[in-house]
Amino acid sequence: MAGKDNQPPAPIITNGDMSAAVASSPFAMAWFDNICVTLWWSGTPTGTFDVQVSHDEVNWGSIDLSPVPVASGSAGVVVIDIMQLSPRYIRVNYSRTSGTGTLNATVSGKMV
């Protein structure tokens, strides 16, 4: 039986400063159908996360996530599992409300 191709976790944010907005580097999803974004942070940040996709790394659109992932004033972890994406690129943005912290993020993928 053949295995499914997968992308091991790749860093897209390393030690991001959450005292301001943070934007990840774009990640090319290639042929992966299912994507997992893992965000983890320390400190006391408060703000929201936004996942965006693009076909050309120029025009970005947000994915509707419900509930919207948040950092709520203490260290935490959020795992966002996104299934059946067709755009080629993905990125993550953090919008700060208050507090400070350090953000890290990885993305991984799997073929269906």
C-alpha atoms as a PDB file:
ATOM      1  CA  MET A   1       0.000   0.000   0.000  1.00  0.00           C
ATOM      2  CA  ALA A   2       1.409   3.380  -0.989  1.00  0.00           C
ATOM      3  CA  GLY A   3       1.557   6.097   1.656  1.00  0.00           C
ATOM      4  CA  LYS A   4       0.220   9.599   1.348  1.00  0.00           C
ATOM      5  CA  ASP A   5       2.696  12.364   0.578  1.00  0.00           C
ATOM      6  CA  ASN A   6       3.097  14.851   3.388  1.00  0.00           C
ATOM      7  CA  GLN A   7       4.995  18.002   4.264  1.00  0.00           C
ATOM      8  CA  PRO A   8       6.675  17.828   7.674  1.00  0.00           C
ATOM      9  CA  PRO A   9       6.158  20.960   9.799  1.00  0.00           C
ATOM     10  CA  ALA A  10       7.989  23.927   8.252  1.00  0.00           C
ATOM     11  CA  PRO A  11       8.554  27.181  10.168  1.00  0.00           C
ATOM     12  CA  ILE A  12       6.725  30.247   8.830  1.00  0.00           C
ATOM     13  CA  ILE A  13       7.192  32.479  11.908  1.00  0.00           C
ATOM     14  CA  THR A  14      10.211  32.260  14.196  1.00  0.00           C
ATOM     15  CA  ASN A  15      10.284  34.370  17.363  1.00  0.00           C
ATOM     16  CA  GLY A  16       7.806  36.952  16.056  1.00  0.00           C
ATOM     17  CA  ASP A  17       7.522  40.061  18.243  1.00  0.00           C
ATOM     18  CA  MET A  18       3.880  40.285  19.334  1.00  0.00           C
ATOM     19  CA  SER A  19       4.238  43.868  20.597  1.00  0.00           C
ATOM     20  CA  ALA A  20       3.253  44.745  16.998  1.00  0.00           C
ATOM     21  CA  ALA A  21       1.535  43.030  14.058  1.00  0.00           C
ATOM     22  CA  VAL A  22       3.269  39.871  12.815  1.00  0.00           C
ATOM     23  CA  ALA A  23       3.063  38.441   9.276  1.00  0.00           C
ATOM     24  CA  SER A  24       4.407  35.041   8.322  1.00  0.00           C
ATOM     25  CA  SER A  25       6.403  34.296   5.243  1.00  0.00           C
ATOM     26  CA  PRO A  26       4.267  32.765   2.476  1.00  0.00           C
ATOM     27  CA  PHE A  27       4.316  28.977   2.234  1.00  0.00           C
ATOM     28  CA  ALA A  28       3.831  27.180  -1.101  1.00  0.00           C
ATOM     29  CA  MET A  29       1.324  24.415  -0.455  1.00  0.00           C
ATOM     30  CA  ALA A  30       2.218  22.660  -3.723  1.00  0.00           C
ATOM     31  CA  TRP A  31      -0.100  19.681  -4.187  1.00  0.00           C
ATOM     32  CA  PHE A  32      -1.238  19.316  -0.562  1.00  0.00           C
ATOM     33  CA  ASP A  33      -4.991  19.193  -0.039  1.00  0.00           C
ATOM     34  CA  ASN A  34      -5.040  19.453   3.746  1.00  0.00           C
ATOM     35  CA  ILE A  35      -2.983  21.997   5.679  1.00  0.00           C
ATOM     36  CA  CYS A  36      -2.294  22.294   9.400  1.00  0.00           C
ATOM     37  CA  VAL A  37      -1.062  25.584  10.876  1.00  0.00           C
ATOM     38  CA  THR A  38       0.248  25.447  14.444  1.00  0.00           C
ATOM     39  CA  LEU A  39       0.736  28.705  16.345  1.00  0.00           C
ATOM     40  CA  TRP A  40       2.298  28.940  19.798  1.00  0.00           C
ATOM     41  CA  TRP A  41       3.283  31.924  21.843  1.00  0.00           C
ATOM     42  CA  SER A  42       4.616  33.054  25.202  1.00  0.00           C
ATOM     43  CA  GLY A  43       3.982  36.225  27.160  1.00  0.00           C
ATOM     44  CA  THR A  44       0.730  38.143  27.581  1.00  0.00           C
ATOM     45  CA  PRO A  45      -0.403  39.045  24.051  1.00  0.00           C
ATOM     46  CA  THR A  46      -3.991  39.838  23.136  1.00  0.00           C
ATOM     47  CA  GLY A  47      -4.997  39.838  19.490  1.00  0.00           C
ATOM     48  CA  THR A  48      -6.398  37.835  16.584  1.00  0.00           C
ATOM     49  CA  PHE A  49      -4.959  35.535  13.920  1.00  0.00           C
ATOM     50  CA  ASP A  50      -5.909  35.599  10.254  1.00  0.00           C
ATOM     51  CA  VAL A  51      -5.087  32.902   7.682  1.00  0.00           C
ATOM     52  CA  GLN A  52      -4.824  34.081   4.086  1.00  0.00           C
ATOM     53  CA  VAL A  53      -4.374  32.291   0.760  1.00  0.00           C
ATOM     54  CA  SER A  54      -3.225  33.372  -2.700  1.00  0.00           C
ATOM     55  CA  HIS A  55      -2.594  31.997  -6.173  1.00  0.00           C
ATOM     56  CA  ASP A  56       0.139  34.533  -6.987  1.00  0.00           C
ATOM     57  CA  GLU A  57       1.613  35.860  -3.662  1.00  0.00           C
ATOM     58  CA  VAL A  58       0.246  39.314  -4.624  1.00  0.00           C
ATOM     59  CA  ASN A  59      -3.523  39.138  -4.108  1.00  0.00           C
ATOM     60  CA  TRP A  60      -4.360  37.654  -0.699  1.00  0.00           C
ATOM     61  CA  GLY A  61      -7.767  36.709   0.667  1.00  0.00           C
ATOM     62  CA  SER A  62      -8.693  35.645   4.193  1.00  0.00           C
ATOM     63  CA  ILE A  63     -10.162  32.245   4.987  1.00  0.00           C
ATOM     64  CA  ASP A  64     -13.349  32.414   7.068  1.00  0.00           C
ATOM     65  CA  LEU A  65     -12.391  30.780  10.367  1.00  0.00           C
ATOM     66  CA  SER A  66     -15.051  30.250  13.004  1.00  0.00           C
ATOM     67  CA  PRO A  67     -14.290  30.824  15.734  1.00  0.00           C
ATOM     68  CA  VAL A  68     -11.557  33.332  14.926  1.00  0.00           C
ATOM     69  CA  PRO A  69      -8.304  32.164  16.595  1.00  0.00           C
ATOM     70  CA  VAL A  70      -7.179  34.517  19.379  1.00  0.00           C
ATOM     71  CA  ALA A  71      -4.379  35.138  21.825  1.00  0.00           C
ATOM     72  CA  SER A  72      -6.129  36.136  25.038  1.00  0.00           C
ATOM     73  CA  GLY A  73      -3.551  37.554  27.424  1.00  0.00           C
ATOM     74  CA  SER A  74      -1.499  34.475  28.285  1.00  0.00           C
ATOM     75  CA  ALA A  75       0.741  31.880  26.633  1.00  0.00           C
ATOM     76  CA  GLY A  76      -1.094  29.501  24.342  1.00  0.00           C
ATOM     77  CA  VAL A  77      -1.301  27.210  21.346  1.00  0.00           C
ATOM     78  CA  VAL A  78      -3.739  27.192  18.423  1.00  0.00           C
ATOM     79  CA  VAL A  79      -3.949  24.442  15.803  1.00  0.00           C
ATOM     80  CA  ILE A  80      -5.818  25.338  12.611  1.00  0.00           C
ATOM     81  CA  ASP A  81      -6.706  22.368  10.393  1.00  0.00           C
ATOM     82  CA  ILE A  82      -7.786  23.455   6.907  1.00  0.00           C
ATOM     83  CA  MET A  83      -9.142  20.877   4.490  1.00  0.00           C
ATOM     84  CA  GLN A  84      -9.437  20.875   0.701  1.00  0.00           C
ATOM     85  CA  LEU A  85      -7.651  24.128  -0.142  1.00  0.00           C
ATOM     86  CA  SER A  86      -7.006  24.917  -3.776  1.00  0.00           C
ATOM     87  CA  PRO A  87      -4.856  28.096  -3.686  1.00  0.00           C
ATOM     88  CA  ARG A  88      -1.093  27.638  -3.976  1.00  0.00           C
ATOM     89  CA  TYR A  89       0.142  29.850  -1.098  1.00  0.00           C
ATOM     90  CA  ILE A  90      -0.794  30.348   2.543  1.00  0.00           C
ATOM     91  CA  ARG A  91       0.295  32.835   5.216  1.00  0.00           C
ATOM     92  CA  VAL A  92      -0.716  33.838   8.750  1.00  0.00           C
ATOM     93  CA  ASN A  93      -1.101  37.328  10.227  1.00  0.00           C
ATOM     94  CA  TYR A  94      -1.363  38.401  13.862  1.00  0.00           C
ATOM     95  CA  SER A  95      -3.179  41.646  14.680  1.00  0.00           C
ATOM     96  CA  ARG A  96      -2.235  43.005  18.100  1.00  0.00           C
ATOM     97  CA  THR A  97      -4.698  44.558  20.527  1.00  0.00           C
ATOM     98  CA  SER A  98      -2.467  44.716  23.619  1.00  0.00           C
ATOM     99  CA  GLY A  99       0.273  42.934  25.543  1.00  0.00           C
ATOM    100  CA  THR A 100       3.543  41.445  24.345  1.00  0.00           C
ATOM    101  CA  GLY A 101       4.883  38.023  23.565  1.00  0.00           C
ATOM    102  CA  THR A 102       6.841  35.843  21.178  1.00  0.00           C
ATOM    103  CA  LEU A 103       5.070  33.975  18.371  1.00  0.00           C
ATOM    104  CA  ASN A 104       6.183  30.876  16.483  1.00  0.00           C
ATOM    105  CA  ALA A 105       4.294  29.059  13.737  1.00  0.00           C
ATOM    106  CA  THR A 106       4.688  26.027  11.517  1.00  0.00           C
ATOM    107  CA  VAL A 107       2.696  24.699   8.594  1.00  0.00           C
ATOM    108  CA  SER A 108       2.417  21.114   7.417  1.00  0.00           C
ATOM    109  CA  GLY A 109       0.362  19.414   4.727  1.00  0.00           C
ATOM    110  CA  LYS A 110      -0.937  16.104   3.441  1.00  0.00           C
ATOM    111  CA  MET A 111      -2.274  14.801   0.170  1.00  0.00           C
ATOM    112  CA  VAL A 112      -5.710  13.201   0.149  1.00  0.00           C
END
